[in-house]
């Protein structure tokens, strides 16, 4: 299988690339020129790295014409933890993504997975299914929803099976240090209080290796349209933090504050994973095992 992906140097993409390589695929990673590749250093010799600025149509045309992939995973987006919700780059990535898909259609790509987000969902009771209402709370979500709607029409028109992965919350090796789990691990190891604005929110947390395996399973399936990428298991944020304290054997001083951010997803959101589990996907980690694995990984990387 000749497969290519964007976002290979990112948190999720590095694990997807690793999974594809492990399965013996011919893997091509579109990587921004001079981009950092430390997350995929262990598999670089088994990857074909193609320099490509996704926001440059000329770069994209050259890369796709060179690779001619039959399967593609599109994960790249503007994802800075402090800016992604409001960044005008969201609009640039919509345009770049549509250009990418058109070029993939030109070379006969058969299957495409594109990363969406669970933040697309409106308030729902119980597990969120792919048919539940969506709402745009931010420019980021509006851009993702607009792209999803367009691709739902474009896929059949160009003969490409396009799956839209609504990715829920995740954690694991190589995550940005500013995110919940690595930040909590650092605070616990340093004996500092852990401050949360969403302590009693219910979320759906998955280990990133399970997320990568899910993306890979969906890409190889016949599924099109929205597919939830999550564990299907609800967990309070405070329980994630207390589990980390337990596996690290550190005391927990928790400071809980109320969130007033109108762009926050609903207080309770977790995935109905019936569509996902119709593929070959089976999760490897439950929450405690996954957090223990992640905590050990971070402990081995001080600083």
Protein backbone atom coordinates (compact mmCIF):
# COMPACT_ATOMS: atom_id res chain seq x y z
CA UNK A 1 0.00 0.00 0.00
CA UNK A 2 1.34 3.43 -0.97
CA UNK A 3 0.17 5.75 1.77
CA UNK A 4 0.98 9.36 2.59
CA UNK A 5 0.15 11.73 5.42
CA UNK A 6 0.35 15.30 6.59
CA UNK A 7 1.10 16.10 10.22
CA UNK A 8 3.61 13.27 10.60
CA UNK A 9 5.80 15.38 12.89
CA UNK A 10 2.91 16.16 15.24
CA UNK A 11 1.60 14.35 18.29
CA UNK A 12 -0.99 12.15 16.58
CA UNK A 13 0.71 11.97 13.21
CA UNK A 14 3.99 10.63 14.58
CA UNK A 15 2.14 7.64 16.03
CA UNK A 16 0.14 7.12 12.83
CA UNK A 17 3.36 7.14 10.80
CA UNK A 18 4.92 4.66 13.20
CA UNK A 19 1.88 2.37 12.91
CA UNK A 20 1.96 2.45 9.09
CA UNK A 21 5.67 1.67 9.01
CA UNK A 22 5.16 -1.23 11.44
CA UNK A 23 2.60 -2.68 9.03
CA UNK A 24 5.14 -2.62 6.20
CA UNK A 25 3.56 0.12 4.11
CA UNK A 26 5.32 2.39 1.65
CA UNK A 27 4.93 5.55 3.76
CA UNK A 28 5.47 9.10 2.53
CA UNK A 29 5.36 11.99 5.00
CA UNK A 30 4.67 15.52 3.73
CA UNK A 31 6.81 17.60 6.08
CA UNK A 32 7.20 21.36 6.22
CA UNK A 33 10.70 22.36 4.98
CA UNK A 34 13.09 22.56 7.91
CA UNK A 35 10.35 21.21 10.19
CA UNK A 36 11.37 19.42 13.39
CA UNK A 37 11.30 15.64 13.03
CA UNK A 38 12.27 14.61 16.58
CA UNK A 39 8.96 12.83 17.18
CA UNK A 40 9.62 10.43 14.28
CA UNK A 41 13.40 10.11 14.66
CA UNK A 42 13.10 6.36 15.32
CA UNK A 43 11.30 5.66 12.00
CA UNK A 44 12.88 8.29 9.74
CA UNK A 45 15.08 5.70 7.97
CA UNK A 46 11.91 3.78 7.02
CA UNK A 47 9.93 6.82 5.84
CA UNK A 48 10.09 8.82 2.65
CA UNK A 49 10.09 12.45 3.81
CA UNK A 50 8.75 14.82 1.15
CA UNK A 51 9.39 18.53 1.85
CA UNK A 52 6.05 20.30 1.44
CA UNK A 53 4.47 23.44 2.81
CA UNK A 54 0.79 22.52 2.85
CA UNK A 55 -0.12 26.19 2.40
CA UNK A 56 1.82 26.31 -0.89
CA UNK A 57 -0.27 24.93 -3.78
CA UNK A 58 2.89 24.47 -5.84
CA UNK A 59 4.49 22.35 -3.11
CA UNK A 60 1.34 20.26 -2.74
CA UNK A 61 1.03 19.69 -6.50
CA UNK A 62 4.66 18.56 -6.71
CA UNK A 63 4.38 16.25 -3.70
CA UNK A 64 1.19 14.51 -4.80
CA UNK A 65 2.38 14.08 -8.38
CA UNK A 66 5.60 12.54 -7.06
CA UNK A 67 4.01 10.17 -4.53
CA UNK A 68 0.73 9.21 -6.28
CA UNK A 69 -0.72 7.72 -3.06
CA UNK A 70 -3.67 5.36 -3.03
CA UNK A 71 -4.41 6.08 0.68
CA UNK A 72 -3.91 9.36 2.53
CA UNK A 73 -4.22 10.67 6.11
CA UNK A 74 -4.63 14.42 6.52
CA UNK A 75 -3.88 15.58 10.07
CA UNK A 76 -2.04 18.88 9.62
CA UNK A 77 -3.78 22.00 10.93
CA UNK A 78 -2.99 25.05 13.07
CA UNK A 79 -2.94 23.54 16.56
CA UNK A 80 -1.14 25.91 18.95
CA UNK A 81 -2.83 25.24 22.35
CA UNK A 82 -3.31 28.95 23.07
CA UNK A 83 -4.30 30.20 19.61
CA UNK A 84 -5.96 27.52 17.50
CA UNK A 85 -9.56 28.41 18.36
CA UNK A 86 -9.37 31.96 17.00
CA UNK A 87 -6.48 31.87 14.53
CA UNK A 88 -7.25 33.14 11.03
CA UNK A 89 -4.96 30.36 9.82
CA UNK A 90 -7.99 28.09 10.22
CA UNK A 91 -9.32 29.65 7.00
CA UNK A 92 -6.02 29.10 5.20
CA UNK A 93 -6.08 25.43 6.18
CA UNK A 94 -9.59 24.99 4.81
CA UNK A 95 -8.42 26.26 1.43
CA UNK A 96 -5.21 24.22 1.56
CA UNK A 97 -7.15 21.07 2.48
CA UNK A 98 -9.56 21.45 -0.42
CA UNK A 99 -6.65 21.97 -2.81
CA UNK A 100 -4.97 18.86 -1.41
CA UNK A 101 -8.10 16.73 -1.89
CA UNK A 102 -8.53 17.91 -5.48
CA UNK A 103 -4.95 16.95 -6.27
CA UNK A 104 -5.44 13.56 -4.59
CA UNK A 105 -8.50 13.00 -6.77
CA UNK A 106 -6.46 13.87 -9.86
CA UNK A 107 -4.00 11.03 -9.16
CA UNK A 108 -6.68 8.48 -8.29
CA UNK A 109 -6.32 8.29 -4.49
CA UNK A 110 -9.00 5.89 -3.26
CA UNK A 111 -9.21 6.50 0.49
CA UNK A 112 -8.74 9.60 2.64
CA UNK A 113 -8.94 10.15 6.40
CA UNK A 114 -9.28 13.76 7.58
CA UNK A 115 -9.01 14.83 11.23
CA UNK A 116 -12.06 16.52 12.70
CA UNK A 117 -12.81 17.15 16.37
CA UNK A 118 -15.30 16.15 19.05
CA UNK A 119 -15.75 19.88 19.68
CA UNK A 120 -18.07 19.82 16.66
CA UNK A 121 -20.82 18.29 18.82
CA UNK A 122 -23.58 20.31 20.43
CA UNK A 123 -24.74 19.43 23.93
CA UNK A 124 -25.89 15.81 23.99
CA UNK A 125 -27.22 13.44 26.63
CA UNK A 126 -25.17 10.28 26.93
CA UNK A 127 -22.65 9.18 24.32
CA UNK A 128 -22.30 11.37 21.23
CA UNK A 129 -23.09 9.54 18.01
CA UNK A 130 -22.16 10.68 14.54
CA UNK A 131 -25.78 11.66 13.82
CA UNK A 132 -26.05 14.05 16.78
CA UNK A 133 -26.33 17.82 16.18
CA UNK A 134 -23.22 19.91 15.69
CA UNK A 135 -22.57 23.53 16.55
CA UNK A 136 -19.75 25.99 15.86
CA UNK A 137 -18.44 27.57 19.07
CA UNK A 138 -15.23 28.96 17.57
CA UNK A 139 -13.57 29.78 14.27
CA UNK A 140 -11.63 26.52 14.55
CA UNK A 141 -14.79 24.41 14.81
CA UNK A 142 -16.58 26.44 12.12
CA UNK A 143 -13.66 25.80 9.75
CA UNK A 144 -13.65 22.08 10.50
CA UNK A 145 -17.42 21.76 10.08
CA UNK A 146 -17.35 23.68 6.81
CA UNK A 147 -14.61 21.44 5.46
CA UNK A 148 -16.47 18.31 6.58
CA UNK A 149 -19.66 19.38 4.81
CA UNK A 150 -17.77 20.16 1.62
CA UNK A 151 -15.86 16.86 1.64
CA UNK A 152 -19.10 14.93 2.17
CA UNK A 153 -20.21 16.20 -1.24
CA UNK A 154 -16.80 16.16 -2.90
CA UNK A 155 -15.95 12.54 -2.08
CA UNK A 156 -18.73 10.92 -4.15
CA UNK A 157 -18.20 13.45 -6.94
CA UNK A 158 -14.55 12.43 -7.41
CA UNK A 159 -14.90 8.75 -6.51
CA UNK A 160 -12.93 8.93 -3.25
CA UNK A 161 -13.95 7.35 0.05
CA UNK A 162 -13.49 10.11 2.64
CA UNK A 163 -13.76 9.41 6.38
CA UNK A 164 -14.04 12.34 8.78
CA UNK A 165 -12.56 11.38 12.17
CA UNK A 166 -14.05 13.25 15.11
CA UNK A 167 -11.14 12.84 17.49
CA UNK A 168 -11.90 12.99 21.22
CA UNK A 169 -9.44 13.70 24.05
CA UNK A 170 -6.10 11.94 24.10
CA UNK A 171 -2.77 11.71 25.87
CA UNK A 172 0.48 9.78 25.56
CA UNK A 173 4.14 10.03 24.57
CA UNK A 174 5.26 13.11 22.61
CA UNK A 175 2.31 15.30 23.64
CA UNK A 176 2.76 19.06 23.97
CA UNK A 177 4.01 19.72 27.52
CA UNK A 178 1.31 22.37 28.03
CA UNK A 179 -1.57 19.89 27.71
CA UNK A 180 -3.49 18.38 30.64
CA UNK A 181 -1.71 15.06 31.19
CA UNK A 182 1.95 16.09 30.76
CA UNK A 183 1.36 19.32 32.68
CA UNK A 184 -0.26 17.37 35.54
CA UNK A 185 2.60 14.85 35.57
CA UNK A 186 5.14 17.66 35.83
CA UNK A 187 3.21 19.39 38.61
CA UNK A 188 2.91 16.16 40.59
CA UNK A 189 6.59 15.30 40.19
CA UNK A 190 7.54 18.81 41.35
CA UNK A 191 5.13 18.74 44.31
CA UNK A 192 3.06 21.65 42.98
CA UNK A 193 -0.72 22.14 43.13
CA UNK A 194 -2.73 21.07 40.07
CA UNK A 195 -5.20 23.73 38.97
CA UNK A 196 -8.22 22.72 36.90
CA UNK A 197 -11.08 24.75 35.45
CA UNK A 198 -12.91 21.61 34.27
CA UNK A 199 -12.46 19.22 37.21
CA UNK A 200 -15.97 17.77 37.06
CA UNK A 201 -16.31 17.79 33.29
CA UNK A 202 -16.79 14.35 31.77
CA UNK A 203 -14.51 13.57 28.85
CA UNK A 204 -13.45 10.64 26.67
CA UNK A 205 -9.70 10.02 26.99
CA UNK A 206 -7.70 7.65 24.78
CA UNK A 207 -4.04 6.73 24.62
CA UNK A 208 -2.54 8.17 21.42
CA UNK A 209 -1.39 4.74 20.25
CA UNK A 210 -5.02 3.59 20.33
CA UNK A 211 -6.02 6.71 18.40
CA UNK A 212 -3.37 6.01 15.76
CA UNK A 213 -4.56 2.41 15.46
CA UNK A 214 -8.15 3.65 15.11
CA UNK A 215 -7.22 6.08 12.32
CA UNK A 216 -5.35 3.31 10.53
CA UNK A 217 -8.32 0.93 10.88
CA UNK A 218 -10.78 3.52 9.54
CA UNK A 219 -8.52 4.37 6.59
CA UNK A 220 -8.40 0.70 5.57
CA UNK A 221 -12.16 0.20 6.05
CA UNK A 222 -15.01 1.21 3.79
CA UNK A 223 -16.34 3.82 6.22
CA UNK A 224 -17.12 7.29 4.90
CA UNK A 225 -18.40 10.40 6.64
CA UNK A 226 -18.06 11.10 10.37
CA UNK A 227 -16.48 8.44 12.59
CA UNK A 228 -15.89 8.99 16.31
CA UNK A 229 -12.29 8.33 17.35
CA UNK A 230 -12.44 7.76 21.10
CA UNK A 231 -12.60 5.15 23.84
CA UNK A 232 -16.34 5.22 24.48
CA UNK A 233 -15.58 5.38 28.21
CA UNK A 234 -16.56 8.55 30.14
CA UNK A 235 -14.19 9.86 32.80
CA UNK A 236 -14.19 12.99 34.94
CA UNK A 237 -11.16 15.21 34.49
CA UNK A 238 -10.51 15.10 38.25
CA UNK A 239 -10.40 11.29 38.06
CA UNK A 240 -7.72 11.45 35.36
CA UNK A 241 -5.64 13.71 37.60
CA UNK A 242 -6.16 11.55 40.69
CA UNK A 243 -5.21 8.43 38.72
CA UNK A 244 -1.97 10.10 37.68
CA UNK A 245 -1.25 10.95 41.32
CA UNK A 246 -1.85 7.33 42.27
CA UNK A 247 0.35 5.77 39.55
CA UNK A 248 3.12 8.27 40.35
CA UNK A 249 2.65 7.72 44.12
CA UNK A 250 2.54 11.47 44.72
CA UNK A 251 0.19 13.52 46.92
CA UNK A 252 -2.40 15.58 45.04
CA UNK A 253 -3.30 19.16 45.90
CA UNK A 254 -6.14 19.99 43.53
CA UNK A 255 -7.33 23.56 42.99
CA UNK A 256 -10.64 23.59 41.11
CA UNK A 257 -12.02 26.70 39.42
CA UNK A 258 -15.11 27.22 37.29
CA UNK A 259 -14.57 27.73 33.56
CA UNK A 260 -16.20 30.78 31.97
CA UNK A 261 -14.98 30.19 28.40
CA UNK A 262 -18.04 30.13 26.08
CA UNK A 263 -16.02 28.20 23.50
CA UNK A 264 -15.61 25.21 25.84
CA UNK A 265 -17.26 21.98 24.69
CA UNK A 266 -20.20 20.81 26.84
CA UNK A 267 -19.60 19.66 30.44
CA UNK A 268 -20.13 16.04 29.38
CA UNK A 269 -18.97 14.63 26.06
CA UNK A 270 -17.88 11.10 25.26
CA UNK A 271 -18.05 8.93 22.17
CA UNK A 272 -20.43 6.34 20.84
CA UNK A 273 -17.82 4.15 19.12
CA UNK A 274 -20.13 1.69 17.35
CA UNK A 275 -18.97 2.82 13.89
CA UNK A 276 -15.31 2.65 14.91
CA UNK A 277 -15.61 -0.83 16.42
CA UNK A 278 -17.22 -2.10 13.20
CA UNK A 279 -13.66 -2.03 11.82
CA UNK A 280 -10.76 -4.19 13.00
CA UNK A 281 -9.96 -1.73 15.82
CA UNK A 282 -9.61 -2.91 19.39
CA UNK A 283 -8.09 -0.59 22.04
CA UNK A 284 -4.87 -1.69 23.71
CA UNK A 285 -5.08 0.53 26.81
CA UNK A 286 -7.68 1.19 29.47
CA UNK A 287 -7.38 4.56 31.21
CA UNK A 288 -5.23 3.48 34.16
CA UNK A 289 -2.84 1.39 32.08
CA UNK A 290 -2.54 4.16 29.50
CA UNK A 291 -1.86 6.85 32.10
CA UNK A 292 0.71 4.63 33.83
CA UNK A 293 2.50 4.05 30.53
CA UNK A 294 2.45 7.79 29.79
CA UNK A 295 3.66 8.77 33.26
CA UNK A 296 6.61 6.37 32.97
CA UNK A 297 7.47 7.81 29.54
CA UNK A 298 7.51 11.36 30.90
CA UNK A 299 9.46 10.39 34.03
CA UNK A 300 12.22 9.10 31.76
CA UNK A 301 12.42 12.53 30.07
CA UNK A 302 13.11 15.12 32.78
CA UNK A 303 13.38 18.80 32.03
